[in-house]
Amino acid sequence: MISRILFLLSVFLSPTHSLLNGLHFDANYLPIKKYTKLAQNRVVGIPISFKDESEALSKNCKIHRLKDKDRKNCVIEEREHGGVYTKRAFYQRSIILNIYEQNSVGEFYKDTEFTILSPYGRAKIRYEDLLGDGKEFIIVETLEGFTGSGISQDILAIVGWHRNKFTPVLLETTRYMEAFLTAHRQQELKASYNFLNKGTNNLSIRLEYEFLAIFPKLNITKQFSWHEELSWNEEKFSFYSKELEKVKLNNFINNVEKSIIQVRLNILDLDINNLSFELLDKTKIVSLYTKWF
């Protein structure tokens, strides 16, 4: 009880903000109700506000423009390794992006959280203006997908701000390996990528796929490669087009490609607002690959 009282006092008496009168609030940036909820759920080691950009930078909050080219955000990467460590990130086996918005007087207030699955802390995050419009996308490389005995998967995720939420515009497996010695089977998929016409509305991503399957007991080896180019669709705010993917589904070259297409269609049908295992599982990106053969 005493600790709860002290917590409430720390929230209401903090010199950098006021929940009572909202002196530091701009209605265009952060509603009182939302801020109060964040204050009540504050995480040890993660501030809920900064008085200015200098203080934000001193607390490892990196400046980006994720929601609007004319408005600054700052981001604290809450993670077990390489960012700000918290017990929450450790127990959730995730990276949690704490995203702050700057108001009209230069203060930053925590506004959004975005969770990224990373059970082993290998996910690499960068921020890039892909369209040349001043807004940055969140690019997550080596996002850890299905991981277990004999299975390892890396996913490339590109996330952007659209219609008041962060949403994935692309989820693609860049490495998937299955090695079951008892089943005498090994499968590996690799995909490299590069952006074309970066910094323009004609942006696209080219994916080069290589697949190898070995069945030593049966003396069978299957190997093939193919490539795809996915164009940015501003209207859909995605690298995927349901119409095009459905056409591909009727003309797939192999079962691996078919699985990838099905995942894309699942992504388009889902409302995805984080990269937790639960949502990745719903897309089937972490489960379809064992059905290749």
Protein backbone atom coordinates (compact mmCIF):
# COMPACT_ATOMS: atom_id res chain seq x y z
CA MET A 1 0.00 0.00 0.00
CA ILE A 2 2.81 2.41 0.95
CA SER A 3 4.68 1.67 -2.28
CA ARG A 4 1.51 2.41 -4.28
CA ILE A 5 1.09 5.77 -2.52
CA LEU A 6 4.74 6.66 -3.21
CA PHE A 7 4.29 5.70 -6.85
CA LEU A 8 1.24 7.94 -7.24
CA LEU A 9 3.09 10.82 -5.58
CA SER A 10 6.03 10.34 -7.94
CA VAL A 11 3.66 10.55 -10.91
CA PHE A 12 1.71 13.59 -9.81
CA LEU A 13 4.59 15.58 -8.30
CA SER A 14 7.14 15.05 -11.06
CA PRO A 15 8.48 18.49 -12.13
CA THR A 16 8.52 17.63 -15.82
CA HIS A 17 4.77 17.16 -16.23
CA SER A 18 1.43 17.60 -14.55
CA LEU A 19 -1.40 15.11 -14.73
CA LEU A 20 -3.61 17.40 -12.67
CA ASN A 21 -3.75 20.48 -14.84
CA GLY A 22 -2.16 19.32 -18.10
CA LEU A 23 0.08 22.40 -18.33
CA HIS A 24 2.51 20.58 -20.58
CA PHE A 25 -0.09 19.11 -22.91
CA ASP A 26 -1.02 20.09 -26.41
CA ALA A 27 -4.37 18.56 -27.43
CA ASN A 28 -3.08 17.98 -30.96
CA TYR A 29 -0.36 15.68 -29.73
CA LEU A 30 -1.31 13.66 -26.66
CA PRO A 31 -4.67 13.38 -24.88
CA ILE A 32 -4.67 13.60 -21.07
CA LYS A 33 -6.50 10.27 -20.75
CA LYS A 34 -3.93 8.39 -22.81
CA TYR A 35 -1.02 9.97 -20.98
CA THR A 36 -2.56 9.11 -17.60
CA LYS A 37 -2.83 5.47 -18.63
CA LEU A 38 0.82 5.39 -19.68
CA ALA A 39 1.83 7.03 -16.41
CA GLN A 40 -0.01 4.39 -14.42
CA ASN A 41 1.81 1.65 -16.34
CA ARG A 42 5.26 3.20 -16.30
CA VAL A 43 8.21 0.82 -16.63
CA VAL A 44 11.26 1.12 -14.39
CA GLY A 45 14.09 2.59 -16.48
CA ILE A 46 11.79 3.98 -19.19
CA PRO A 47 10.80 7.65 -18.62
CA ILE A 48 7.36 8.80 -19.73
CA SER A 49 8.50 12.29 -20.72
CA PHE A 50 11.48 14.52 -21.48
CA LYS A 51 11.55 18.28 -21.07
CA ASP A 52 13.46 18.81 -24.33
CA GLU A 53 15.49 17.11 -27.05
CA SER A 54 18.73 17.42 -25.11
CA GLU A 55 17.33 15.48 -22.16
CA ALA A 56 15.83 12.87 -24.49
CA LEU A 57 19.19 12.28 -26.17
CA SER A 58 20.94 12.04 -22.80
CA LYS A 59 18.58 9.19 -21.85
CA ASN A 60 19.32 7.16 -24.99
CA CYS A 61 16.15 8.26 -26.79
CA LYS A 62 17.08 8.49 -30.47
CA ILE A 63 15.50 11.14 -32.69
CA HIS A 64 13.49 9.99 -35.71
CA ARG A 65 10.51 11.11 -37.79
CA LEU A 66 8.25 8.09 -37.85
CA LYS A 67 4.74 9.54 -38.00
CA ASP A 68 5.11 12.87 -39.77
CA LYS A 69 8.00 14.53 -41.59
CA ASP A 70 7.31 17.77 -39.73
CA ARG A 71 7.16 16.27 -36.24
CA LYS A 72 9.99 14.70 -34.28
CA ASN A 73 9.74 11.43 -32.42
CA CYS A 74 12.30 9.84 -30.19
CA VAL A 75 12.64 6.12 -29.61
CA ILE A 76 13.99 4.08 -26.72
CA GLU A 77 14.72 0.48 -27.64
CA GLU A 78 13.85 -1.52 -24.55
CA ARG A 79 15.69 -4.83 -24.87
CA GLU A 80 17.89 -7.34 -23.13
CA HIS A 81 21.00 -6.50 -25.17
CA GLY A 82 22.00 -3.37 -27.09
CA GLY A 83 19.40 -0.95 -25.75
CA VAL A 84 17.88 -0.03 -22.39
CA TYR A 85 17.56 -3.19 -20.29
CA THR A 86 14.30 -3.84 -18.43
CA LYS A 87 12.87 -6.91 -16.75
CA ARG A 88 9.78 -6.51 -18.93
CA ALA A 89 11.78 -6.93 -22.16
CA PHE A 90 13.64 -9.88 -20.64
CA TYR A 91 10.53 -11.75 -19.55
CA GLN A 92 8.63 -11.00 -22.75
CA ARG A 93 11.65 -12.10 -24.81
CA SER A 94 11.02 -9.08 -26.99
CA ILE A 95 12.27 -5.68 -28.03
CA ILE A 96 9.80 -2.97 -27.07
CA LEU A 97 10.03 0.32 -28.94
CA ASN A 98 8.95 3.17 -26.66
CA ILE A 99 7.98 5.97 -29.04
CA TYR A 100 7.66 9.58 -27.89
CA GLU A 101 6.08 12.55 -29.66
CA GLN A 102 7.30 16.12 -29.42
CA ASN A 103 4.69 18.73 -28.56
CA SER A 104 4.50 22.38 -29.59
CA VAL A 105 6.87 23.56 -26.83
CA GLY A 106 9.55 20.97 -27.53
CA GLU A 107 8.77 18.40 -24.83
CA PHE A 108 8.57 14.68 -25.59
CA TYR A 109 5.83 12.47 -24.16
CA LYS A 110 5.59 8.71 -24.52
CA ASP A 111 2.76 7.96 -26.92
CA THR A 112 3.16 4.47 -28.39
CA GLU A 113 4.73 1.08 -27.76
CA PHE A 114 5.58 -1.41 -30.49
CA THR A 115 6.59 -4.98 -29.58
CA ILE A 116 9.05 -7.00 -31.67
CA LEU A 117 9.64 -10.69 -30.99
CA SER A 118 13.31 -11.37 -30.18
CA PRO A 119 13.77 -14.38 -27.86
CA TYR A 120 17.55 -14.42 -28.36
CA GLY A 121 18.08 -10.69 -28.86
CA ARG A 122 19.35 -11.02 -32.44
CA ALA A 123 16.88 -8.66 -34.11
CA LYS A 124 18.63 -5.67 -35.71
CA ILE A 125 16.64 -2.46 -36.09
CA ARG A 126 17.28 0.53 -38.30
CA TYR A 127 15.18 3.49 -39.44
CA GLU A 128 15.10 4.67 -43.04
CA ASP A 129 13.21 7.13 -45.24
CA LEU A 130 12.44 4.73 -48.09
CA LEU A 131 10.03 6.95 -50.05
CA GLY A 132 11.95 10.22 -49.80
CA ASP A 133 9.03 12.01 -48.13
CA GLY A 134 10.77 12.65 -44.80
CA LYS A 135 8.98 9.85 -42.90
CA GLU A 136 11.02 6.90 -41.73
CA PHE A 137 10.11 3.22 -41.74
CA ILE A 138 11.22 0.81 -39.04
CA ILE A 139 13.28 -1.97 -40.64
CA VAL A 140 13.81 -5.10 -38.57
CA GLU A 141 16.39 -7.53 -39.88
CA THR A 142 16.92 -11.03 -38.47
CA LEU A 143 13.58 -10.92 -36.69
CA GLU A 144 13.51 -14.29 -34.98
CA GLY A 145 10.59 -16.35 -36.21
CA PHE A 146 10.18 -20.06 -35.58
CA THR A 147 13.05 -21.24 -33.37
CA GLY A 148 13.33 -24.66 -31.81
CA SER A 149 15.04 -28.04 -32.00
CA GLY A 150 16.38 -28.32 -35.51
CA ILE A 151 14.58 -25.21 -36.80
CA SER A 152 15.77 -21.62 -37.19
CA GLN A 153 14.11 -18.73 -39.03
CA ASP A 154 14.98 -15.09 -39.73
CA ILE A 155 12.38 -12.62 -41.00
CA LEU A 156 12.73 -9.21 -42.61
CA ALA A 157 10.03 -6.85 -41.35
CA ILE A 158 9.34 -3.33 -42.59
CA VAL A 159 6.94 -1.31 -40.45
CA GLY A 160 5.37 2.09 -41.15
CA TRP A 161 2.93 4.49 -39.50
CA HIS A 162 -0.47 4.43 -41.21
CA ARG A 163 -3.96 5.35 -40.04
CA ASN A 164 -2.85 6.04 -36.48
CA LYS A 165 -0.92 2.83 -35.92
CA PHE A 166 2.33 1.09 -36.80
CA THR A 167 1.71 -1.70 -39.26
CA PRO A 168 3.98 -4.12 -41.19
CA VAL A 169 4.19 -3.31 -44.90
CA LEU A 170 6.38 -6.33 -45.59
CA LEU A 171 7.17 -9.62 -43.79
CA GLU A 172 9.50 -11.98 -45.64
CA THR A 173 11.55 -14.96 -44.54
CA THR A 174 15.22 -14.33 -45.33
CA ARG A 175 16.56 -17.55 -43.81
CA TYR A 176 14.83 -20.76 -42.82
CA MET A 177 16.62 -23.96 -41.89
CA GLU A 178 15.18 -27.31 -40.90
CA ALA A 179 17.58 -30.08 -39.92
CA PHE A 180 15.99 -33.20 -38.46
CA LEU A 181 18.63 -35.91 -38.22
CA THR A 182 16.14 -38.51 -37.03
CA ALA A 183 13.98 -37.82 -40.07
CA HIS A 184 17.04 -37.75 -42.35
CA ARG A 185 15.95 -34.44 -43.83
CA GLN A 186 17.49 -31.01 -44.24
CA GLN A 187 15.86 -27.97 -45.87
CA GLU A 188 17.20 -24.47 -46.19
CA LEU A 189 15.74 -21.32 -47.72
CA LYS A 190 17.78 -18.16 -48.16
CA ALA A 191 16.60 -14.82 -49.51
CA SER A 192 18.65 -11.73 -50.20
CA TYR A 193 17.06 -8.39 -50.97
CA ASN A 194 17.76 -4.91 -52.22
CA PHE A 195 15.64 -1.80 -52.73
CA LEU A 196 15.15 -0.32 -56.18
CA ASN A 197 14.33 3.37 -56.82
CA LYS A 198 14.76 4.13 -53.14
CA GLY A 199 13.70 7.63 -52.17
CA THR A 200 10.90 7.78 -54.74
CA ASN A 201 7.26 6.71 -55.11
CA ASN A 202 8.48 4.07 -57.57
CA LEU A 203 10.09 2.13 -54.74
CA SER A 204 10.28 -1.64 -55.04
CA ILE A 205 12.10 -4.48 -53.32
CA ARG A 206 13.81 -7.30 -55.22
CA LEU A 207 14.02 -10.68 -53.47
CA GLU A 208 16.42 -13.41 -54.62
CA TYR A 209 15.46 -16.86 -53.29
CA GLU A 210 17.55 -20.02 -53.07
CA PHE A 211 16.20 -23.30 -51.75
CA LEU A 212 17.97 -26.57 -50.99
CA ALA A 213 16.46 -29.82 -49.67
CA ILE A 214 18.49 -32.95 -48.93
CA PHE A 215 17.07 -36.38 -48.13
CA PRO A 216 20.21 -38.53 -47.72
CA LYS A 217 18.39 -41.75 -46.90
CA LEU A 218 16.42 -41.49 -50.13
CA ASN A 219 19.41 -40.12 -52.04
CA ILE A 220 17.32 -37.13 -53.13
CA THR A 221 18.47 -33.52 -53.47
CA LYS A 222 16.22 -30.69 -54.63
CA GLN A 223 17.59 -27.28 -55.43
CA PHE A 224 16.06 -24.29 -57.15
CA SER A 225 16.13 -20.50 -57.19
CA TRP A 226 13.84 -17.70 -58.31
CA HIS A 227 13.36 -13.98 -57.80
CA GLU A 228 10.52 -11.54 -57.28
CA GLU A 229 10.10 -7.79 -57.39
CA LEU A 230 7.44 -6.27 -55.15
CA SER A 231 6.39 -2.70 -55.94
CA TRP A 232 5.30 -0.20 -53.33
CA ASN A 233 1.56 0.46 -53.33
CA GLU A 234 0.86 3.82 -51.70
CA GLU A 235 -2.91 3.37 -51.79
CA LYS A 236 -2.68 0.05 -49.91
CA PHE A 237 0.35 1.22 -47.91
CA SER A 238 2.06 -2.10 -48.56
CA PHE A 239 4.50 -3.96 -50.78
CA TYR A 240 1.76 -6.53 -51.29
CA SER A 241 -1.23 -6.54 -53.63
CA LYS A 242 -3.99 -9.04 -52.95
CA GLU A 243 -4.92 -9.19 -56.63
CA LEU A 244 -1.35 -9.90 -57.77
CA GLU A 245 -0.69 -12.46 -55.04
CA LYS A 246 -3.88 -14.34 -55.96
CA VAL A 247 -2.70 -14.50 -59.57
CA LYS A 248 0.66 -15.86 -58.39
CA LEU A 249 -1.11 -18.47 -56.27
CA ASN A 250 -2.56 -19.94 -59.44
CA ASN A 251 0.85 -19.98 -61.14
CA PHE A 252 3.33 -20.90 -58.43
CA ILE A 253 6.56 -22.65 -59.41
CA ASN A 254 7.08 -24.77 -56.30
CA ASN A 255 5.56 -25.41 -52.87
CA VAL A 256 8.00 -23.06 -51.19
CA GLU A 257 6.82 -20.15 -53.32
CA LYS A 258 3.21 -21.21 -52.71
CA SER A 259 3.75 -21.03 -48.94
CA ILE A 260 5.27 -17.55 -49.22
CA ILE A 261 2.33 -16.30 -51.30
CA GLN A 262 -0.18 -17.72 -48.81
CA VAL A 263 1.59 -15.90 -45.98
CA ARG A 264 1.34 -12.60 -47.86
CA LEU A 265 -2.39 -13.07 -48.37
CA ASN A 266 -2.78 -13.85 -44.67
CA ILE A 267 -0.91 -10.66 -43.78
CA LEU A 268 -3.24 -8.61 -45.97
CA ASP A 269 -6.27 -10.11 -44.22
CA LEU A 270 -5.04 -9.44 -40.68
CA ASP A 271 -4.95 -6.32 -38.53
CA ILE A 272 -1.34 -6.47 -37.32
CA ASN A 273 -0.21 -3.85 -34.80
CA ASN A 274 2.89 -5.55 -33.37
CA LEU A 275 5.40 -8.29 -34.17
CA SER A 276 4.66 -10.65 -31.30
CA PHE A 277 4.82 -14.41 -31.82
CA GLU A 278 1.03 -14.63 -31.51
CA LEU A 279 0.44 -12.33 -34.47
CA LEU A 280 3.26 -13.83 -36.52
CA ASP A 281 1.70 -17.22 -35.90
CA LYS A 282 -1.63 -15.97 -37.27
CA THR A 283 0.06 -15.05 -40.55
CA LYS A 284 1.41 -18.63 -40.76
CA ILE A 285 4.87 -17.29 -41.55
CA VAL A 286 6.23 -19.39 -38.68
CA SER A 287 4.39 -22.60 -39.50
CA LEU A 288 3.88 -23.21 -43.22
CA TYR A 289 7.37 -24.28 -44.18
CA THR A 290 7.26 -27.82 -42.80
CA LYS A 291 4.62 -28.58 -45.46
CA TRP A 292 6.93 -28.08 -48.41
CA PHE A 293 7.37 -31.82 -49.03
